[in-house]
């Protein structure tokens, strides 16, 4: 293989990897936006106003034993009737269905779940 072909192959591989990385990051951002929209919709339906949404590691949440890699945990601070309240949301990391009941059948995945501390 000539030097020119090797360079072209290396450049092509780098461009391909960059495109894949951009697509993955875009997918993750889209998933986060879907979770945030779901959080705002649920809190609004309860008559609340979202103040803050934070991503948490499972060890610091009520989902300590109810979580796996197919999930993401959010702590939501919201106001309702002049009170500041907290809710926890276990989201599902499936871009095309954030409401999946068992996102990873082979690994015992956990579906979406809410915990309200009222």
PDB file of N, CA and C in Angstrom:
ATOM      1  N   UNK A   1       0.862  -1.175   0.000  1.00  0.00           N
ATOM      2  CA  UNK A   1       0.000   0.000   0.000  1.00  0.00           C
ATOM      3  C   UNK A   1       0.908   1.238   0.000  1.00  0.00           C
ATOM      4  N   UNK A   2       0.583   2.183  -0.825  1.00  0.00           N
ATOM      5  CA  UNK A   2       1.414   3.378  -0.935  1.00  0.00           C
ATOM      6  C   UNK A   2       1.189   4.320   0.251  1.00  0.00           C
ATOM      7  N   UNK A   3       2.149   5.241   0.422  1.00  0.00           N
ATOM      8  CA  UNK A   3       2.035   6.229   1.502  1.00  0.00           C
ATOM      9  C   UNK A   3       0.778   7.070   1.344  1.00  0.00           C
ATOM     10  N   UNK A   4       0.469   7.434   0.104  1.00  0.00           N
ATOM     11  CA  UNK A   4      -0.700   8.276  -0.174  1.00  0.00           C
ATOM     12  C   UNK A   4      -1.988   7.552   0.233  1.00  0.00           C
ATOM     13  N   UNK A   5      -2.083   6.272  -0.077  1.00  0.00           N
ATOM     14  CA  UNK A   5      -3.276   5.497   0.281  1.00  0.00           C
ATOM     15  C   UNK A   5      -3.394   5.368   1.798  1.00  0.00           C
ATOM     16  N   UNK A   6      -2.275   5.156   2.486  1.00  0.00           N
ATOM     17  CA  UNK A   6      -2.290   5.034   3.942  1.00  0.00           C
ATOM     18  C   UNK A   6      -2.766   6.338   4.586  1.00  0.00           C
ATOM     19  N   UNK A   7      -2.254   7.450   4.079  1.00  0.00           N
ATOM     20  CA  UNK A   7      -2.686   8.751   4.609  1.00  0.00           C
ATOM     21  C   UNK A   7      -4.177   8.957   4.374  1.00  0.00           C
ATOM     22  N   UNK A   8      -4.620   8.634   3.169  1.00  0.00           N
ATOM     23  CA  UNK A   8      -6.029   8.791   2.838  1.00  0.00           C
ATOM     24  C   UNK A   8      -6.894   7.916   3.743  1.00  0.00           C
ATOM     25  N   UNK A   9      -6.446   6.685   4.012  1.00  0.00           N
ATOM     26  CA  UNK A   9      -7.170   5.772   4.886  1.00  0.00           C
ATOM     27  C   UNK A   9      -7.235   6.319   6.313  1.00  0.00           C
ATOM     28  N   UNK A  10      -6.123   6.828   6.827  1.00  0.00           N
ATOM     29  CA  UNK A  10      -6.088   7.392   8.184  1.00  0.00           C
ATOM     30  C   UNK A  10      -7.009   8.602   8.283  1.00  0.00           C
ATOM     31  N   UNK A  11      -6.943   9.485   7.292  1.00  0.00           N
ATOM     32  CA  UNK A  11      -7.799  10.678   7.295  1.00  0.00           C
ATOM     33  C   UNK A  11      -9.265  10.265   7.218  1.00  0.00           C
ATOM     34  N   UNK A  12      -9.580   9.300   6.376  1.00  0.00           N
ATOM     35  CA  UNK A  12     -10.967   8.827   6.243  1.00  0.00           C
ATOM     36  C   UNK A  12     -11.476   8.237   7.550  1.00  0.00           C
ATOM     37  N   UNK A  13     -10.630   7.437   8.206  1.00  0.00           N
ATOM     38  CA  UNK A  13     -11.020   6.853   9.495  1.00  0.00           C
ATOM     39  C   UNK A  13     -11.275   7.934  10.548  1.00  0.00           C
ATOM     40  N   UNK A  14     -10.419   8.920  10.603  1.00  0.00           N
ATOM     41  CA  UNK A  14     -10.586  10.006  11.580  1.00  0.00           C
ATOM     42  C   UNK A  14     -11.881  10.779  11.312  1.00  0.00           C
ATOM     43  N   UNK A  15     -12.151  11.054  10.052  1.00  0.00           N
ATOM     44  CA  UNK A  15     -13.387  11.769   9.709  1.00  0.00           C
ATOM     45  C   UNK A  15     -14.595  10.918  10.075  1.00  0.00           C
ATOM     46  N   UNK A  16     -14.523   9.637   9.774  1.00  0.00           N
ATOM     47  CA  UNK A  16     -15.627   8.735  10.121  1.00  0.00           C
ATOM     48  C   UNK A  16     -15.875   8.678  11.618  1.00  0.00           C
ATOM     49  N   UNK A  17     -14.806   8.565  12.397  1.00  0.00           N
ATOM     50  CA  UNK A  17     -14.934   8.543  13.858  1.00  0.00           C
ATOM     51  C   UNK A  17     -15.493   9.861  14.394  1.00  0.00           C
ATOM     52  N   UNK A  18     -15.067  10.968  13.806  1.00  0.00           N
ATOM     53  CA  UNK A  18     -15.582  12.273  14.230  1.00  0.00           C
ATOM     54  C   UNK A  18     -17.086  12.372  13.963  1.00  0.00           C
ATOM     55  N   UNK A  19     -17.521  11.893  12.817  1.00  0.00           N
ATOM     56  CA  UNK A  19     -18.955  11.917  12.478  1.00  0.00           C
ATOM     57  C   UNK A  19     -19.750  11.050  13.451  1.00  0.00           C
ATOM     58  N   UNK A  20     -19.243   9.866  13.763  1.00  0.00           N
ATOM     59  CA  UNK A  20     -19.918   8.982  14.715  1.00  0.00           C
ATOM     60  C   UNK A  20     -19.990   9.635  16.097  1.00  0.00           C
ATOM     61  N   UNK A  21     -18.904  10.262  16.531  1.00  0.00           N
ATOM     62  CA  UNK A  21     -18.888  10.931  17.836  1.00  0.00           C
ATOM     63  C   UNK A  21     -19.919  12.057  17.887  1.00  0.00           C
ATOM     64  N   UNK A  22     -20.011  12.830  16.828  1.00  0.00           N
ATOM     65  CA  UNK A  22     -20.994  13.925  16.774  1.00  0.00           C
ATOM     66  C   UNK A  22     -22.409  13.367  16.838  1.00  0.00           C
ATOM     67  N   UNK A  23     -22.660  12.275  16.127  1.00  0.00           N
ATOM     68  CA  UNK A  23     -23.998  11.667  16.137  1.00  0.00           C
ATOM     69  C   UNK A  23     -24.351  11.148  17.529  1.00  0.00           C
ATOM     70  N   UNK A  24     -23.394  10.530  18.205  1.00  0.00           N
ATOM     71  CA  UNK A  24     -23.647  10.027  19.561  1.00  0.00           C
ATOM     72  C   UNK A  24     -23.943  11.170  20.533  1.00  0.00           C
ATOM     73  N   UNK A  25     -23.153  12.219  20.463  1.00  0.00           N
ATOM     74  CA  UNK A  25     -23.379  13.368  21.343  1.00  0.00           C
ATOM     75  C   UNK A  25     -24.727  14.018  21.065  1.00  0.00           C
ATOM     76  N   UNK A  26     -25.105  14.105  19.802  1.00  0.00           N
ATOM     77  CA  UNK A  26     -26.396  14.665  19.430  1.00  0.00           C
ATOM     78  C   UNK A  26     -27.537  13.807  19.979  1.00  0.00           C
ATOM     79  N   UNK A  27     -27.378  12.484  19.909  1.00  0.00           N
ATOM     80  CA  UNK A  27     -28.389  11.573  20.448  1.00  0.00           C
ATOM     81  C   UNK A  27     -28.538  11.716  21.953  1.00  0.00           C
ATOM     82  N   UNK A  28     -27.420  11.853  22.662  1.00  0.00           N
ATOM     83  CA  UNK A  28     -27.472  12.033  24.113  1.00  0.00           C
ATOM     84  C   UNK A  28     -28.132  13.355  24.488  1.00  0.00           C
ATOM     85  N   UNK A  29     -27.833  14.401  23.744  1.00  0.00           N
ATOM     86  CA  UNK A  29     -28.450  15.708  24.007  1.00  0.00           C
ATOM     87  C   UNK A  29     -29.957  15.631  23.764  1.00  0.00           C
ATOM     88  N   UNK A  30     -30.355  14.943  22.717  1.00  0.00           N
ATOM     89  CA  UNK A  30     -31.774  14.769  22.400  1.00  0.00           C
ATOM     90  C   UNK A  30     -32.479  14.014  23.529  1.00  0.00           C
ATOM     91  N   UNK A  31     -31.827  12.982  24.049  1.00  0.00           N
ATOM     92  CA  UNK A  31     -32.398  12.204  25.147  1.00  0.00           C
ATOM     93  C   UNK A  31     -32.574  13.074  26.386  1.00  0.00           C
ATOM     94  N   UNK A  32     -31.561  13.856  26.715  1.00  0.00           N
ATOM     95  CA  UNK A  32     -31.653  14.752  27.866  1.00  0.00           C
ATOM     96  C   UNK A  32     -32.796  15.754  27.682  1.00  0.00           C
ATOM     97  N   UNK A  33     -32.949  16.281  26.485  1.00  0.00           N
ATOM     98  CA  UNK A  33     -34.035  17.227  26.219  1.00  0.00           C
ATOM     99  C   UNK A  33     -35.400  16.562  26.378  1.00  0.00           C
ATOM    100  N   UNK A  34     -35.512  15.311  25.961  1.00  0.00           N
ATOM    101  CA  UNK A  34     -36.775  14.572  26.134  1.00  0.00           C
ATOM    102  C   UNK A  34     -37.074  14.363  27.618  1.00  0.00           C
ATOM    103  N   UNK A  35     -36.052  14.018  28.393  1.00  0.00           N
ATOM    104  CA  UNK A  35     -36.250  13.844  29.839  1.00  0.00           C
ATOM    105  C   UNK A  35     -36.679  15.165  30.490  1.00  0.00           C
ATOM    106  N   UNK A  36     -36.009  16.250  30.143  1.00  0.00           N
ATOM    107  CA  UNK A  36     -36.353  17.550  30.720  1.00  0.00           C
ATOM    108  C   UNK A  36     -37.788  17.943  30.358  1.00  0.00           C
ATOM    109  N   UNK A  37     -38.193  17.687  29.117  1.00  0.00           N
ATOM    110  CA  UNK A  37     -39.564  18.007  28.700  1.00  0.00           C
ATOM    111  C   UNK A  37     -40.567  17.160  29.482  1.00  0.00           C
ATOM    112  N   UNK A  38     -40.263  15.887  29.688  1.00  0.00           N
ATOM    113  CA  UNK A  38     -41.137  14.998  30.461  1.00  0.00           C
ATOM    114  C   UNK A  38     -41.239  15.484  31.903  1.00  0.00           C
ATOM    115  N   UNK A  39     -40.126  15.857  32.491  1.00  0.00           N
ATOM    116  CA  UNK A  39     -40.108  16.348  33.868  1.00  0.00           C
ATOM    117  C   UNK A  39     -40.985  17.596  33.997  1.00  0.00           C
ATOM    118  N   UNK A  40     -40.782  18.544  33.107  1.00  0.00           N
ATOM    119  CA  UNK A  40     -41.571  19.783  33.158  1.00  0.00           C
ATOM    120  C   UNK A  40     -43.061  19.504  32.972  1.00  0.00           C
ATOM    121  N   UNK A  41     -43.401  18.596  32.067  1.00  0.00           N
ATOM    122  CA  UNK A  41     -44.808  18.270  31.818  1.00  0.00           C
ATOM    123  C   UNK A  41     -45.463  17.644  33.054  1.00  0.00           C
ATOM    124  N   UNK A  42     -44.799  16.693  33.679  1.00  0.00           N
ATOM    125  CA  UNK A  42     -45.366  16.024  34.862  1.00  0.00           C
ATOM    126  C   UNK A  42     -45.520  17.000  36.024  1.00  0.00           C
ATOM    127  N   UNK A  43     -44.502  17.804  36.282  1.00  0.00           N
ATOM    128  CA  UNK A  43     -44.569  18.763  37.385  1.00  0.00           C
ATOM    129  C   UNK A  43     -45.647  19.808  37.120  1.00  0.00           C
ATOM    130  N   UNK A  44     -45.761  20.267  35.892  1.00  0.00           N
ATOM    131  CA  UNK A  44     -46.787  21.249  35.533  1.00  0.00           C
ATOM    132  C   UNK A  44     -48.187  20.670  35.723  1.00  0.00           C
ATOM    133  N   UNK A  45     -48.386  19.414  35.342  1.00  0.00           N
ATOM    134  CA  UNK A  45     -49.697  18.758  35.523  1.00  0.00           C
ATOM    135  C   UNK A  45     -50.071  18.657  36.997  1.00  0.00           C
ATOM    136  N   UNK A  46     -49.069  18.593  37.880  1.00  0.00           N
ATOM    137  CA  UNK A  46     -49.332  18.554  39.318  1.00  0.00           C
ATOM    138  C   UNK A  46     -49.552  19.953  39.891  1.00  0.00           C
ATOM    139  N   UNK A  47     -49.472  20.979  39.033  1.00  0.00           N
ATOM    140  CA  UNK A  47     -49.668  22.347  39.476  1.00  0.00           C
ATOM    141  C   UNK A  47     -48.402  23.010  39.978  1.00  0.00           C
ATOM    142  N   UNK A  48     -47.270  22.403  39.694  1.00  0.00           N
ATOM    143  CA  UNK A  48     -45.997  22.941  40.172  1.00  0.00           C
ATOM    144  C   UNK A  48     -45.230  23.679  39.096  1.00  0.00           C
ATOM    145  N   UNK A  49     -44.150  24.311  39.532  1.00  0.00           N
ATOM    146  CA  UNK A  49     -43.247  25.025  38.639  1.00  0.00           C
ATOM    147  C   UNK A  49     -41.836  24.505  38.911  1.00  0.00           C
ATOM    148  N   UNK A  50     -41.181  24.003  37.873  1.00  0.00           N
ATOM    149  CA  UNK A  50     -39.824  23.469  38.020  1.00  0.00           C
ATOM    150  C   UNK A  50     -38.863  24.607  38.324  1.00  0.00           C
ATOM    151  N   UNK A  51     -38.086  24.428  39.384  1.00  0.00           N
ATOM    152  CA  UNK A  51     -37.079  25.399  39.773  1.00  0.00           C
ATOM    153  C   UNK A  51     -35.700  24.931  39.310  1.00  0.00           C
ATOM    154  N   UNK A  52     -35.425  23.633  39.498  1.00  0.00           N
ATOM    155  CA  UNK A  52     -34.092  23.122  39.179  1.00  0.00           C
ATOM    156  C   UNK A  52     -34.168  21.630  38.847  1.00  0.00           C
ATOM    157  N   UNK A  53     -33.403  21.212  37.837  1.00  0.00           N
ATOM    158  CA  UNK A  53     -33.278  19.798  37.474  1.00  0.00           C
ATOM    159  C   UNK A  53     -31.797  19.448  37.549  1.00  0.00           C
ATOM    160  N   UNK A  54     -31.483  18.411  38.353  1.00  0.00           N
ATOM    161  CA  UNK A  54     -30.091  18.009  38.527  1.00  0.00           C
ATOM    162  C   UNK A  54     -29.932  16.520  38.241  1.00  0.00           C
ATOM    163  N   UNK A  55     -28.850  16.165  37.577  1.00  0.00           N
ATOM    164  CA  UNK A  55     -28.526  14.773  37.319  1.00  0.00           C
ATOM    165  C   UNK A  55     -27.763  14.235  38.530  1.00  0.00           C
ATOM    166  N   UNK A  56     -28.155  13.067  39.035  1.00  0.00           N
ATOM    167  CA  UNK A  56     -27.536  12.499  40.238  1.00  0.00           C
ATOM    168  C   UNK A  56     -27.027  11.090  39.983  1.00  0.00           C
ATOM    169  N   UNK A  57     -25.994  10.694  40.731  1.00  0.00           N
ATOM    170  CA  UNK A  57     -25.562   9.301  40.701  1.00  0.00           C
ATOM    171  C   UNK A  57     -26.520   8.507  41.590  1.00  0.00           C
ATOM    172  N   UNK A  58     -26.788   7.263  41.267  1.00  0.00           N
ATOM    173  CA  UNK A  58     -27.780   6.472  42.016  1.00  0.00           C
ATOM    174  C   UNK A  58     -27.479   6.339  43.503  1.00  0.00           C
ATOM    175  N   UNK A  59     -26.199   6.356  43.887  1.00  0.00           N
ATOM    176  CA  UNK A  59     -25.831   6.179  45.295  1.00  0.00           C
ATOM    177  C   UNK A  59     -26.392   7.277  46.187  1.00  0.00           C
ATOM    178  N   UNK A  60     -26.713   8.417  45.604  1.00  0.00           N
ATOM    179  CA  UNK A  60     -27.198   9.571  46.369  1.00  0.00           C
ATOM    180  C   UNK A  60     -28.710   9.737  46.269  1.00  0.00           C
ATOM    181  N   UNK A  61     -29.418   8.692  45.816  1.00  0.00           N
ATOM    182  CA  UNK A  61     -30.842   8.834  45.538  1.00  0.00           C
ATOM    183  C   UNK A  61     -31.655   7.701  46.145  1.00  0.00           C
ATOM    184  N   UNK A  62     -32.983   7.823  46.116  1.00  0.00           N
ATOM    185  CA  UNK A  62     -33.836   6.721  46.574  1.00  0.00           C
ATOM    186  C   UNK A  62     -33.801   5.516  45.626  1.00  0.00           C
ATOM    187  N   UNK A  63     -33.131   5.624  44.490  1.00  0.00           N
ATOM    188  CA  UNK A  63     -33.069   4.542  43.511  1.00  0.00           C
ATOM    189  C   UNK A  63     -31.788   3.711  43.640  1.00  0.00           C
ATOM    190  N   UNK A  64     -31.152   3.752  44.783  1.00  0.00           N
ATOM    191  CA  UNK A  64     -29.873   3.071  44.991  1.00  0.00           C
ATOM    192  C   UNK A  64     -29.894   1.621  44.509  1.00  0.00           C
ATOM    193  N   UNK A  65     -30.934   0.864  44.858  1.00  0.00           N
ATOM    194  CA  UNK A  65     -31.022  -0.552  44.490  1.00  0.00           C
ATOM    195  C   UNK A  65     -31.989  -0.794  43.343  1.00  0.00           C
ATOM    196  N   UNK A  66     -32.393   0.250  42.685  1.00  0.00           N
ATOM    197  CA  UNK A  66     -33.440   0.173  41.671  1.00  0.00           C
ATOM    198  C   UNK A  66     -32.982   0.921  40.414  1.00  0.00           C
ATOM    199  N   UNK A  67     -31.794   0.536  39.913  1.00  0.00           N
ATOM    200  CA  UNK A  67     -31.140   1.312  38.868  1.00  0.00           C
ATOM    201  C   UNK A  67     -30.160   0.415  38.116  1.00  0.00           C
ATOM    202  N   UNK A  68     -29.972   0.679  36.831  1.00  0.00           N
ATOM    203  CA  UNK A  68     -28.858   0.076  36.099  1.00  0.00           C
ATOM    204  C   UNK A  68     -28.425   1.017  34.987  1.00  0.00           C
ATOM    205  N   UNK A  69     -27.534   0.564  34.127  1.00  0.00           N
ATOM    206  CA  UNK A  69     -26.953   1.444  33.112  1.00  0.00           C
ATOM    207  C   UNK A  69     -27.970   1.966  32.101  1.00  0.00           C
ATOM    208  N   UNK A  70     -29.153   1.411  32.070  1.00  0.00           N
ATOM    209  CA  UNK A  70     -30.179   1.896  31.133  1.00  0.00           C
ATOM    210  C   UNK A  70     -30.970   3.063  31.712  1.00  0.00           C
ATOM    211  N   UNK A  71     -30.601   3.516  32.896  1.00  0.00           N
ATOM    212  CA  UNK A  71     -31.329   4.592  33.570  1.00  0.00           C
ATOM    213  C   UNK A  71     -30.459   5.820  33.810  1.00  0.00           C
ATOM    214  N   UNK A  72     -31.151   6.937  34.027  1.00  0.00           N
ATOM    215  CA  UNK A  72     -30.531   8.176  34.458  1.00  0.00           C
ATOM    216  C   UNK A  72     -31.430   8.736  35.563  1.00  0.00           C
ATOM    217  N   UNK A  73     -30.829   9.292  36.607  1.00  0.00           N
ATOM    218  CA  UNK A  73     -31.593   9.782  37.758  1.00  0.00           C
ATOM    219  C   UNK A  73     -31.508  11.304  37.826  1.00  0.00           C
ATOM    220  N   UNK A  74     -32.674  11.925  38.016  1.00  0.00           N
ATOM    221  CA  UNK A  74     -32.746  13.381  38.164  1.00  0.00           C
ATOM    222  C   UNK A  74     -33.397  13.727  39.498  1.00  0.00           C
ATOM    223  N   UNK A  75     -32.868  14.754  40.136  1.00  0.00           N
ATOM    224  CA  UNK A  75     -33.508  15.354  41.307  1.00  0.00           C
ATOM    225  C   UNK A  75     -34.146  16.645  40.818  1.00  0.00           C
ATOM    226  N   UNK A  76     -35.436  16.781  41.094  1.00  0.00           N
ATOM    227  CA  UNK A  76     -36.175  17.948  40.634  1.00  0.00           C
ATOM    228  C   UNK A  76     -36.617  18.753  41.848  1.00  0.00           C
ATOM    229  N   UNK A  77     -36.253  20.015  41.858  1.00  0.00           N
ATOM    230  CA  UNK A  77     -36.741  20.945  42.868  1.00  0.00           C
ATOM    231  C   UNK A  77     -37.822  21.759  42.185  1.00  0.00           C
ATOM    232  N   UNK A  78     -38.991  21.826  42.828  1.00  0.00           N
ATOM    233  CA  UNK A  78     -40.100  22.571  42.228  1.00  0.00           C
ATOM    234  C   UNK A  78     -40.911  23.274  43.306  1.00  0.00           C
ATOM    235  N   UNK A  79     -41.666  24.268  42.880  1.00  0.00           N
ATOM    236  CA  UNK A  79     -42.514  24.980  43.831  1.00  0.00           C
ATOM    237  C   UNK A  79     -43.969  24.650  43.544  1.00  0.00           C
ATOM    238  N   UNK A  80     -44.740  24.553  44.639  1.00  0.00           N
ATOM    239  CA  UNK A  80     -46.166  24.256  44.543  1.00  0.00           C
ATOM    240  C   UNK A  80     -46.855  24.858  45.765  1.00  0.00           C
ATOM    241  N   UNK A  81     -47.798  25.744  45.517  1.00  0.00           N
ATOM    242  CA  UNK A  81     -48.539  26.409  46.605  1.00  0.00           C
ATOM    243  C   UNK A  81     -47.593  27.023  47.640  1.00  0.00           C
ATOM    244  N   UNK A  82     -46.647  27.788  47.164  1.00  0.00           N
ATOM    245  CA  UNK A  82     -45.677  28.508  47.998  1.00  0.00           C
ATOM    246  C   UNK A  82     -44.778  27.599  48.836  1.00  0.00           C
ATOM    247  N   UNK A  83     -44.631  26.358  48.435  1.00  0.00           N
ATOM    248  CA  UNK A  83     -43.715  25.431  49.102  1.00  0.00           C
ATOM    249  C   UNK A  83     -42.667  24.981  48.086  1.00  0.00           C
ATOM    250  N   UNK A  84     -41.458  24.754  48.569  1.00  0.00           N
ATOM    251  CA  UNK A  84     -40.421  24.169  47.735  1.00  0.00           C
ATOM    252  C   UNK A  84     -40.392  22.675  48.022  1.00  0.00           C
ATOM    253  N   UNK A  85     -40.577  21.874  46.971  1.00  0.00           N
ATOM    254  CA  UNK A  85     -40.666  20.421  47.108  1.00  0.00           C
ATOM    255  C   UNK A  85     -39.602  19.748  46.239  1.00  0.00           C
ATOM    256  N   UNK A  86     -39.407  18.453  46.512  1.00  0.00           N
ATOM    257  CA  UNK A  86     -38.431  17.667  45.765  1.00  0.00           C
ATOM    258  C   UNK A  86     -39.108  16.445  45.168  1.00  0.00           C
ATOM    259  N   UNK A  87     -38.709  16.107  43.957  1.00  0.00           N
ATOM    260  CA  UNK A  87     -39.144  14.869  43.310  1.00  0.00           C
ATOM    261  C   UNK A  87     -37.906  14.201  42.708  1.00  0.00           C
ATOM    262  N   UNK A  88     -37.997  12.893  42.541  1.00  0.00           N
ATOM    263  CA  UNK A  88     -36.935  12.122  41.901  1.00  0.00           C
ATOM    264  C   UNK A  88     -37.534  11.440  40.679  1.00  0.00           C
ATOM    265  N   UNK A  89     -36.782  11.449  39.595  1.00  0.00           N
ATOM    266  CA  UNK A  89     -37.242  10.822  38.358  1.00  0.00           C
ATOM    267  C   UNK A  89     -36.172   9.873  37.849  1.00  0.00           C
ATOM    268  N   UNK A  90     -36.559   8.605  37.676  1.00  0.00           N
ATOM    269  CA  UNK A  90     -35.660   7.630  37.058  1.00  0.00           C
ATOM    270  C   UNK A  90     -36.057   7.542  35.589  1.00  0.00           C
ATOM    271  N   UNK A  91     -35.243   8.140  34.750  1.00  0.00           N
ATOM    272  CA  UNK A  91     -35.501   8.136  33.320  1.00  0.00           C
ATOM    273  C   UNK A  91     -34.888   6.924  32.661  1.00  0.00           C
ATOM    274  N   UNK A  92     -35.355   6.653  31.448  1.00  0.00           N
ATOM    275  CA  UNK A  92     -34.876   5.520  30.664  1.00  0.00           C
ATOM    276  C   UNK A  92     -34.014   6.046  29.518  1.00  0.00           C
ATOM    277  N   UNK A  93     -32.850   5.465  29.340  1.00  0.00           N
ATOM    278  CA  UNK A  93     -31.924   5.887  28.295  1.00  0.00           C
ATOM    279  C   UNK A  93     -32.208   5.196  26.959  1.00  0.00           C
ATOM    280  N   UNK A  94     -33.424   5.368  26.465  1.00  0.00           N
ATOM    281  CA  UNK A  94     -33.806   4.844  25.160  1.00  0.00           C
ATOM    282  C   UNK A  94     -34.371   6.025  24.384  1.00  0.00           C
ATOM    283  N   UNK A  95     -33.633   6.507  23.393  1.00  0.00           N
ATOM    284  CA  UNK A  95     -33.991   7.739  22.693  1.00  0.00           C
ATOM    285  C   UNK A  95     -35.374   7.671  22.074  1.00  0.00           C
ATOM    286  N   UNK A  96     -35.741   6.537  21.480  1.00  0.00           N
ATOM    287  CA  UNK A  96     -37.034   6.459  20.800  1.00  0.00           C
ATOM    288  C   UNK A  96     -38.196   6.064  21.715  1.00  0.00           C
ATOM    289  N   UNK A  97     -37.939   5.801  23.024  1.00  0.00           N
ATOM    290  CA  UNK A  97     -39.025   5.477  23.952  1.00  0.00           C
ATOM    291  C   UNK A  97     -38.578   5.697  25.397  1.00  0.00           C
ATOM    292  N   UNK A  98     -38.710   6.929  25.882  1.00  0.00           N
ATOM    293  CA  UNK A  98     -38.274   7.220  27.259  1.00  0.00           C
ATOM    294  C   UNK A  98     -39.232   6.645  28.298  1.00  0.00           C
ATOM    295  N   UNK A  99     -40.345   6.039  27.845  1.00  0.00           N
ATOM    296  CA  UNK A  99     -41.309   5.427  28.760  1.00  0.00           C
ATOM    297  C   UNK A  99     -41.216   3.900  28.766  1.00  0.00           C
ATOM    298  N   UNK A 100     -40.141   3.350  28.237  1.00  0.00           N
ATOM    299  CA  UNK A 100     -39.979   1.901  28.155  1.00  0.00           C
ATOM    300  C   UNK A 100     -40.093   1.285  29.551  1.00  0.00           C
ATOM    301  N   UNK A 101     -40.820   0.170  29.630  1.00  0.00           N
ATOM    302  CA  UNK A 101     -41.028  -0.503  30.926  1.00  0.00           C
ATOM    303  C   UNK A 101     -39.797  -1.291  31.357  1.00  0.00           C
ATOM    304  N   UNK A 102     -39.161  -1.983  30.434  1.00  0.00           N
ATOM    305  CA  UNK A 102     -37.974  -2.773  30.740  1.00  0.00           C
ATOM    306  C   UNK A 102     -36.988  -2.582  29.599  1.00  0.00           C
ATOM    307  N   UNK A 103     -36.186  -1.518  29.657  1.00  0.00           N
ATOM    308  CA  UNK A 103     -35.340  -1.150  28.530  1.00  0.00           C
ATOM    309  C   UNK A 103     -34.248  -2.151  28.171  1.00  0.00           C
ATOM    310  N   UNK A 104     -33.799  -2.963  29.109  1.00  0.00           N
ATOM    311  CA  UNK A 104     -32.762  -3.950  28.807  1.00  0.00           C
ATOM    312  C   UNK A 104     -33.196  -5.301  29.353  1.00  0.00           C
ATOM    313  N   UNK A 105     -34.023  -5.992  28.596  1.00  0.00           N
ATOM    314  CA  UNK A 105     -34.587  -7.280  29.025  1.00  0.00           C
ATOM    315  C   UNK A 105     -33.536  -8.268  29.520  1.00  0.00           C
ATOM    316  N   UNK A 106     -32.412  -8.319  28.849  1.00  0.00           N
ATOM    317  CA  UNK A 106     -31.397  -9.305  29.214  1.00  0.00           C
ATOM    318  C   UNK A 106     -30.657  -8.951  30.493  1.00  0.00           C
ATOM    319  N   UNK A 107     -30.718  -7.697  30.921  1.00  0.00           N
ATOM    320  CA  UNK A 107     -29.969  -7.279  32.102  1.00  0.00           C
ATOM    321  C   UNK A 107     -30.873  -6.783  33.230  1.00  0.00           C
ATOM    322  N   UNK A 108     -32.162  -7.037  33.147  1.00  0.00           N
ATOM    323  CA  UNK A 108     -33.075  -6.625  34.209  1.00  0.00           C
ATOM    324  C   UNK A 108     -33.208  -5.132  34.341  1.00  0.00           C
ATOM    325  N   UNK A 109     -33.427  -4.453  33.233  1.00  0.00           N
ATOM    326  CA  UNK A 109     -33.551  -2.995  33.240  1.00  0.00           C
ATOM    327  C   UNK A 109     -34.756  -2.515  34.022  1.00  0.00           C
ATOM    328  N   UNK A 110     -34.740  -1.252  34.396  1.00  0.00           N
ATOM    329  CA  UNK A 110     -35.820  -0.647  35.162  1.00  0.00           C
ATOM    330  C   UNK A 110     -36.490   0.433  34.320  1.00  0.00           C
ATOM    331  N   UNK A 111     -37.812   0.446  34.342  1.00  0.00           N
ATOM    332  CA  UNK A 111     -38.565   1.453  33.606  1.00  0.00           C
ATOM    333  C   UNK A 111     -38.563   2.792  34.320  1.00  0.00           C
ATOM    334  N   UNK A 112     -39.216   3.739  33.695  1.00  0.00           N
ATOM    335  CA  UNK A 112     -39.285   5.087  34.268  1.00  0.00           C
ATOM    336  C   UNK A 112     -40.091   5.048  35.563  1.00  0.00           C
ATOM    337  N   UNK A 113     -39.715   5.921  36.517  1.00  0.00           N
ATOM    338  CA  UNK A 113     -40.410   5.947  37.811  1.00  0.00           C
ATOM    339  C   UNK A 113     -40.242   7.314  38.461  1.00  0.00           C
ATOM    340  N   UNK A 114     -41.282   7.724  39.167  1.00  0.00           N
ATOM    341  CA  UNK A 114     -41.264   8.994  39.925  1.00  0.00           C
ATOM    342  C   UNK A 114     -41.378   8.715  41.414  1.00  0.00           C
ATOM    343  N   UNK A 115     -40.701   9.528  42.213  1.00  0.00           N
ATOM    344  CA  UNK A 115     -40.875   9.549  43.669  1.00  0.00           C
ATOM    345  C   UNK A 115     -41.057  11.014  44.050  1.00  0.00           C
ATOM    346  N   UNK A 116     -42.197  11.308  44.674  1.00  0.00           N
ATOM    347  CA  UNK A 116     -42.485  12.672  45.105  1.00  0.00           C
ATOM    348  C   UNK A 116     -42.360  12.759  46.620  1.00  0.00           C
ATOM    349  N   UNK A 117     -41.533  13.689  47.101  1.00  0.00           N
ATOM    350  CA  UNK A 117     -41.388  13.942  48.540  1.00  0.00           C
ATOM    351  C   UNK A 117     -42.257  15.143  48.876  1.00  0.00           C
ATOM    352  N   UNK A 118     -43.513  14.878  49.177  1.00  0.00           N
ATOM    353  CA  UNK A 118     -44.445  15.973  49.443  1.00  0.00           C
ATOM    354  C   UNK A 118     -44.795  16.073  50.902  1.00  0.00           C
TER     355      UNK A 118
END
